[in-house]
């Protein structure tokens, strides 16, 4: 996947009392920022570990 500056990654705690997603979407709309697609993924503990190892390595 290429990042041409048209991608926003928003990370949140799905177990938290509030994710902030509603506020994010509201803020984007107020700023006049539109989007064509919304994709969500949930990281596994393995994904998080591998990402941490790559950052430190």
Protein backbone atom coordinates (compact mmCIF):
# COMPACT_ATOMS: atom_id res chain seq x y z
CA UNK A 1 0.00 0.00 0.00
CA UNK A 2 1.32 3.44 -0.87
CA UNK A 3 0.75 6.54 1.19
CA UNK A 4 0.34 9.58 -1.02
CA UNK A 5 -0.69 11.84 1.84
CA UNK A 6 -4.34 10.96 1.43
CA UNK A 7 -4.49 8.42 4.22
CA UNK A 8 -5.36 8.98 7.87
CA UNK A 9 -4.63 6.34 10.48
CA UNK A 10 -6.53 6.74 13.75
CA UNK A 11 -5.58 4.41 16.59
CA UNK A 12 -7.87 3.91 19.57
CA UNK A 13 -8.62 1.56 22.44
CA UNK A 14 -11.72 -0.41 21.49
CA UNK A 15 -12.17 -1.39 25.14
CA UNK A 16 -12.09 2.20 26.39
CA UNK A 17 -15.23 4.04 27.46
CA UNK A 18 -15.00 6.34 24.41
CA UNK A 19 -13.21 5.74 21.14
CA UNK A 20 -13.38 9.30 19.84
CA UNK A 21 -14.42 8.12 16.38
CA UNK A 22 -17.66 10.12 16.37
CA UNK A 23 -15.76 13.27 17.31
CA UNK A 24 -13.13 12.58 14.65
CA UNK A 25 -15.75 12.21 11.92
CA UNK A 26 -17.51 15.37 13.11
CA UNK A 27 -14.25 17.33 13.09
CA UNK A 28 -13.41 16.10 9.59
CA UNK A 29 -16.81 17.18 8.31
CA UNK A 30 -16.51 20.60 9.96
CA UNK A 31 -13.09 21.06 8.35
CA UNK A 32 -14.58 20.21 4.95
CA UNK A 33 -12.53 17.04 4.65
CA UNK A 34 -14.35 14.32 2.78
CA UNK A 35 -13.40 10.70 2.33
CA UNK A 36 -14.27 7.96 -0.10
CA UNK A 37 -13.63 4.92 2.04
CA UNK A 38 -13.47 3.94 5.69
CA UNK A 39 -11.62 0.79 6.68
CA UNK A 40 -11.25 -0.64 10.17
CA UNK A 41 -8.93 -3.34 11.43
CA UNK A 42 -8.30 -4.82 14.83
CA UNK A 43 -4.71 -5.65 15.73
CA UNK A 44 -3.88 -8.91 17.42
CA UNK A 45 -1.32 -9.11 20.22
CA UNK A 46 1.03 -10.71 17.69
CA UNK A 47 0.62 -7.73 15.30
CA UNK A 48 1.41 -5.31 18.12
CA UNK A 49 4.46 -7.31 19.22
CA UNK A 50 5.86 -7.55 15.68
CA UNK A 51 5.34 -3.80 15.19
CA UNK A 52 7.18 -3.03 18.45
CA UNK A 53 10.08 -5.32 17.53
CA UNK A 54 10.41 -3.66 14.10
CA UNK A 55 10.53 -0.18 15.67
CA UNK A 56 13.29 -1.14 18.11
CA UNK A 57 15.27 -3.20 15.61
